[in-house]
Amino acid sequence: MAFRIEKEEYINKTFRLKKELVDQMEAICNEKNISLNKLVVQCIEYALENLEE
């Protein structure tokens, strides 16, 4: 079996968020030593997986 590098596809989007929300998220990122992008992706994935139908 050959070594394969799989590439994920990404797109850029711009969102407007309340300053208080961004401040809170940045504090979490600093505490957990993760990027803001990673936190946003994890929050969105969690919300979508737990969405009430």
PDB file of N, CA and C in Angstrom:
ATOM      1  N   MET A   1       0.844  -1.187   0.000  1.00  0.00           N
ATOM      2  CA  MET A   1       0.000   0.000   0.000  1.00  0.00           C
ATOM      3  C   MET A   1       0.890   1.251   0.000  1.00  0.00           C
ATOM      4  N   ALA A   2       0.661   2.138  -0.923  1.00  0.00           N
ATOM      5  CA  ALA A   2       1.474   3.343  -1.063  1.00  0.00           C
ATOM      6  C   ALA A   2       1.008   4.428  -0.089  1.00  0.00           C
ATOM      7  N   PHE A   3       1.952   5.273   0.289  1.00  0.00           N
ATOM      8  CA  PHE A   3       1.646   6.418   1.146  1.00  0.00           C
ATOM      9  C   PHE A   3       0.873   7.453   0.347  1.00  0.00           C
ATOM     10  N   ARG A   4      -0.252   7.905   0.891  1.00  0.00           N
ATOM     11  CA  ARG A   4      -1.071   8.913   0.209  1.00  0.00           C
ATOM     12  C   ARG A   4      -1.251  10.130   1.099  1.00  0.00           C
ATOM     13  N   ILE A   5      -1.154  11.264   0.496  1.00  0.00           N
ATOM     14  CA  ILE A   5      -1.445  12.509   1.202  1.00  0.00           C
ATOM     15  C   ILE A   5      -2.814  12.970   0.737  1.00  0.00           C
ATOM     16  N   GLU A   6      -3.752  12.948   1.674  1.00  0.00           N
ATOM     17  CA  GLU A   6      -5.104  13.376   1.330  1.00  0.00           C
ATOM     18  C   GLU A   6      -5.265  14.843   1.694  1.00  0.00           C
ATOM     19  N   LYS A   7      -5.826  15.575   0.782  1.00  0.00           N
ATOM     20  CA  LYS A   7      -5.984  17.009   0.979  1.00  0.00           C
ATOM     21  C   LYS A   7      -7.442  17.335   1.258  1.00  0.00           C
ATOM     22  N   GLU A   8      -7.668  18.064   2.358  1.00  0.00           N
ATOM     23  CA  GLU A   8      -9.013  18.522   2.660  1.00  0.00           C
ATOM     24  C   GLU A   8      -9.265  19.823   1.914  1.00  0.00           C
ATOM     25  N   GLU A   9     -10.485  20.034   1.538  1.00  0.00           N
ATOM     26  CA  GLU A   9     -10.841  21.266   0.833  1.00  0.00           C
ATOM     27  C   GLU A   9     -11.346  22.294   1.842  1.00  0.00           C
ATOM     28  N   TYR A  10     -10.860  23.500   1.726  1.00  0.00           N
ATOM     29  CA  TYR A  10     -11.255  24.588   2.603  1.00  0.00           C
ATOM     30  C   TYR A  10     -11.745  25.764   1.760  1.00  0.00           C
ATOM     31  N   ILE A  11     -12.641  26.544   2.335  1.00  0.00           N
ATOM     32  CA  ILE A  11     -13.064  27.796   1.712  1.00  0.00           C
ATOM     33  C   ILE A  11     -13.012  28.888   2.768  1.00  0.00           C
ATOM     34  N   ASN A  12     -12.852  30.104   2.343  1.00  0.00           N
ATOM     35  CA  ASN A  12     -12.847  31.249   3.249  1.00  0.00           C
ATOM     36  C   ASN A  12     -14.212  31.913   3.240  1.00  0.00           C
ATOM     37  N   LYS A  13     -14.692  32.244   4.420  1.00  0.00           N
ATOM     38  CA  LYS A  13     -15.950  32.970   4.583  1.00  0.00           C
ATOM     39  C   LYS A  13     -15.726  34.054   5.625  1.00  0.00           C
ATOM     40  N   THR A  14     -16.491  35.108   5.541  1.00  0.00           N
ATOM     41  CA  THR A  14     -16.415  36.189   6.510  1.00  0.00           C
ATOM     42  C   THR A  14     -17.728  36.263   7.269  1.00  0.00           C
ATOM     43  N   PHE A  15     -17.629  36.338   8.597  1.00  0.00           N
ATOM     44  CA  PHE A  15     -18.814  36.444   9.447  1.00  0.00           C
ATOM     45  C   PHE A  15     -18.653  37.638  10.370  1.00  0.00           C
ATOM     46  N   ARG A  16     -19.758  38.257  10.718  1.00  0.00           N
ATOM     47  CA  ARG A  16     -19.744  39.336  11.703  1.00  0.00           C
ATOM     48  C   ARG A  16     -20.211  38.757  13.027  1.00  0.00           C
ATOM     49  N   LEU A  17     -19.392  38.951  14.041  1.00  0.00           N
ATOM     50  CA  LEU A  17     -19.702  38.431  15.366  1.00  0.00           C
ATOM     51  C   LEU A  17     -19.644  39.569  16.378  1.00  0.00           C
ATOM     52  N   LYS A  18     -20.439  39.445  17.428  1.00  0.00           N
ATOM     53  CA  LYS A  18     -20.414  40.447  18.491  1.00  0.00           C
ATOM     54  C   LYS A  18     -19.048  40.435  19.162  1.00  0.00           C
ATOM     55  N   LYS A  19     -18.565  41.612  19.521  1.00  0.00           N
ATOM     56  CA  LYS A  19     -17.262  41.745  20.149  1.00  0.00           C
ATOM     57  C   LYS A  19     -17.166  40.901  21.410  1.00  0.00           C
ATOM     58  N   GLU A  20     -18.228  40.897  22.206  1.00  0.00           N
ATOM     59  CA  GLU A  20     -18.229  40.128  23.452  1.00  0.00           C
ATOM     60  C   GLU A  20     -18.031  38.639  23.182  1.00  0.00           C
ATOM     61  N   LEU A  21     -18.640  38.134  22.112  1.00  0.00           N
ATOM     62  CA  LEU A  21     -18.506  36.731  21.754  1.00  0.00           C
ATOM     63  C   LEU A  21     -17.069  36.420  21.339  1.00  0.00           C
ATOM     64  N   VAL A  22     -16.488  37.275  20.527  1.00  0.00           N
ATOM     65  CA  VAL A  22     -15.106  37.081  20.081  1.00  0.00           C
ATOM     66  C   VAL A  22     -14.150  37.157  21.270  1.00  0.00           C
ATOM     67  N   ASP A  23     -14.379  38.107  22.161  1.00  0.00           N
ATOM     68  CA  ASP A  23     -13.529  38.226  23.354  1.00  0.00           C
ATOM     69  C   ASP A  23     -13.582  36.940  24.181  1.00  0.00           C
ATOM     70  N   GLN A  24     -14.775  36.408  24.363  1.00  0.00           N
ATOM     71  CA  GLN A  24     -14.955  35.177  25.132  1.00  0.00           C
ATOM     72  C   GLN A  24     -14.257  34.002  24.438  1.00  0.00           C
ATOM     73  N   MET A  25     -14.409  33.923  23.126  1.00  0.00           N
ATOM     74  CA  MET A  25     -13.786  32.839  22.374  1.00  0.00           C
ATOM     75  C   MET A  25     -12.259  32.951  22.404  1.00  0.00           C
ATOM     76  N   GLU A  26     -11.730  34.162  22.282  1.00  0.00           N
ATOM     77  CA  GLU A  26     -10.281  34.349  22.319  1.00  0.00           C
ATOM     78  C   GLU A  26      -9.715  33.980  23.684  1.00  0.00           C
ATOM     79  N   ALA A  27     -10.455  34.247  24.750  1.00  0.00           N
ATOM     80  CA  ALA A  27     -10.011  33.857  26.093  1.00  0.00           C
ATOM     81  C   ALA A  27      -9.918  32.337  26.194  1.00  0.00           C
ATOM     82  N   ILE A  28     -10.893  31.642  25.638  1.00  0.00           N
ATOM     83  CA  ILE A  28     -10.875  30.175  25.630  1.00  0.00           C
ATOM     84  C   ILE A  28      -9.674  29.676  24.831  1.00  0.00           C
ATOM     85  N   CYS A  29      -9.437  30.293  23.673  1.00  0.00           N
ATOM     86  CA  CYS A  29      -8.302  29.892  22.829  1.00  0.00           C
ATOM     87  C   CYS A  29      -6.981  30.062  23.556  1.00  0.00           C
ATOM     88  N   ASN A  30      -6.827  31.162  24.257  1.00  0.00           N
ATOM     89  CA  ASN A  30      -5.593  31.399  25.014  1.00  0.00           C
ATOM     90  C   ASN A  30      -5.435  30.370  26.128  1.00  0.00           C
ATOM     91  N   GLU A  31      -6.530  30.052  26.791  1.00  0.00           N
ATOM     92  CA  GLU A  31      -6.500  29.083  27.884  1.00  0.00           C
ATOM     93  C   GLU A  31      -6.186  27.675  27.384  1.00  0.00           C
ATOM     94  N   LYS A  32      -6.756  27.309  26.234  1.00  0.00           N
ATOM     95  CA  LYS A  32      -6.600  25.956  25.690  1.00  0.00           C
ATOM     96  C   LYS A  32      -5.451  25.847  24.689  1.00  0.00           C
ATOM     97  N   ASN A  33      -4.831  26.985  24.369  1.00  0.00           N
ATOM     98  CA  ASN A  33      -3.714  27.031  23.415  1.00  0.00           C
ATOM     99  C   ASN A  33      -4.109  26.456  22.049  1.00  0.00           C
ATOM    100  N   ILE A  34      -5.236  26.938  21.524  1.00  0.00           N
ATOM    101  CA  ILE A  34      -5.695  26.549  20.191  1.00  0.00           C
ATOM    102  C   ILE A  34      -6.000  27.814  19.396  1.00  0.00           C
ATOM    103  N   SER A  35      -6.121  27.666  18.093  1.00  0.00           N
ATOM    104  CA  SER A  35      -6.424  28.827  17.251  1.00  0.00           C
ATOM    105  C   SER A  35      -7.918  29.152  17.324  1.00  0.00           C
ATOM    106  N   LEU A  36      -8.224  30.393  17.030  1.00  0.00           N
ATOM    107  CA  LEU A  36      -9.619  30.806  16.985  1.00  0.00           C
ATOM    108  C   LEU A  36     -10.362  30.031  15.904  1.00  0.00           C
ATOM    109  N   ASN A  37      -9.713  29.802  14.779  1.00  0.00           N
ATOM    110  CA  ASN A  37     -10.328  29.051  13.692  1.00  0.00           C
ATOM    111  C   ASN A  37     -10.711  27.643  14.154  1.00  0.00           C
ATOM    112  N   LYS A  38      -9.800  26.985  14.857  1.00  0.00           N
ATOM    113  CA  LYS A  38     -10.068  25.624  15.339  1.00  0.00           C
ATOM    114  C   LYS A  38     -11.256  25.614  16.300  1.00  0.00           C
ATOM    115  N   LEU A  39     -11.327  26.584  17.188  1.00  0.00           N
ATOM    116  CA  LEU A  39     -12.449  26.668  18.121  1.00  0.00           C
ATOM    117  C   LEU A  39     -13.759  26.888  17.379  1.00  0.00           C
ATOM    118  N   VAL A  40     -13.768  27.789  16.411  1.00  0.00           N
ATOM    119  CA  VAL A  40     -14.986  28.062  15.647  1.00  0.00           C
ATOM    120  C   VAL A  40     -15.448  26.800  14.920  1.00  0.00           C
ATOM    121  N   VAL A  41     -14.527  26.096  14.277  1.00  0.00           N
ATOM    122  CA  VAL A  41     -14.886  24.867  13.560  1.00  0.00           C
ATOM    123  C   VAL A  41     -15.460  23.838  14.522  1.00  0.00           C
ATOM    124  N   GLN A  42     -14.827  23.656  15.677  1.00  0.00           N
ATOM    125  CA  GLN A  42     -15.321  22.678  16.648  1.00  0.00           C
ATOM    126  C   GLN A  42     -16.702  23.059  17.170  1.00  0.00           C
ATOM    127  N   CYS A  43     -16.931  24.343  17.419  1.00  0.00           N
ATOM    128  CA  CYS A  43     -18.238  24.802  17.899  1.00  0.00           C
ATOM    129  C   CYS A  43     -19.328  24.561  16.853  1.00  0.00           C
ATOM    130  N   ILE A  44     -19.022  24.856  15.610  1.00  0.00           N
ATOM    131  CA  ILE A  44     -20.004  24.657  14.532  1.00  0.00           C
ATOM    132  C   ILE A  44     -20.292  23.176  14.349  1.00  0.00           C
ATOM    133  N   GLU A  45     -19.253  22.336  14.337  1.00  0.00           N
ATOM    134  CA  GLU A  45     -19.463  20.895  14.189  1.00  0.00           C
ATOM    135  C   GLU A  45     -20.324  20.352  15.329  1.00  0.00           C
ATOM    136  N   TYR A  46     -20.037  20.778  16.548  1.00  0.00           N
ATOM    137  CA  TYR A  46     -20.810  20.324  17.705  1.00  0.00           C
ATOM    138  C   TYR A  46     -22.269  20.759  17.574  1.00  0.00           C
ATOM    139  N   ALA A  47     -22.481  22.006  17.207  1.00  0.00           N
ATOM    140  CA  ALA A  47     -23.842  22.533  17.088  1.00  0.00           C
ATOM    141  C   ALA A  47     -24.621  21.774  16.015  1.00  0.00           C
ATOM    142  N   LEU A  48     -23.993  21.484  14.884  1.00  0.00           N
ATOM    143  CA  LEU A  48     -24.672  20.769  13.813  1.00  0.00           C
ATOM    144  C   LEU A  48     -24.985  19.318  14.187  1.00  0.00           C
ATOM    145  N   GLU A  49     -24.058  18.679  14.916  1.00  0.00           N
ATOM    146  CA  GLU A  49     -24.272  17.302  15.331  1.00  0.00           C
ATOM    147  C   GLU A  49     -25.364  17.183  16.390  1.00  0.00           C
ATOM    148  N   ASN A  50     -25.605  18.260  17.127  1.00  0.00           N
ATOM    149  CA  ASN A  50     -26.568  18.240  18.239  1.00  0.00           C
ATOM    150  C   ASN A  50     -27.784  19.129  17.968  1.00  0.00           C
ATOM    151  N   LEU A  51     -28.032  19.395  16.724  1.00  0.00           N
ATOM    152  CA  LEU A  51     -29.147  20.242  16.326  1.00  0.00           C
ATOM    153  C   LEU A  51     -30.469  19.506  16.542  1.00  0.00           C
ATOM    154  N   GLU A  52     -31.384  20.175  17.215  1.00  0.00           N
ATOM    155  CA  GLU A  52     -32.715  19.578  17.404  1.00  0.00           C
ATOM    156  C   GLU A  52     -33.471  19.607  16.088  1.00  0.00           C
ATOM    157  N   GLU A  53     -34.142  18.524  15.805  1.00  0.00           N
ATOM    158  CA  GLU A  53     -34.891  18.454  14.554  1.00  0.00           C
ATOM    159  C   GLU A  53     -36.338  18.781  14.733  1.00  0.00           C
TER     160      GLU A  53
END
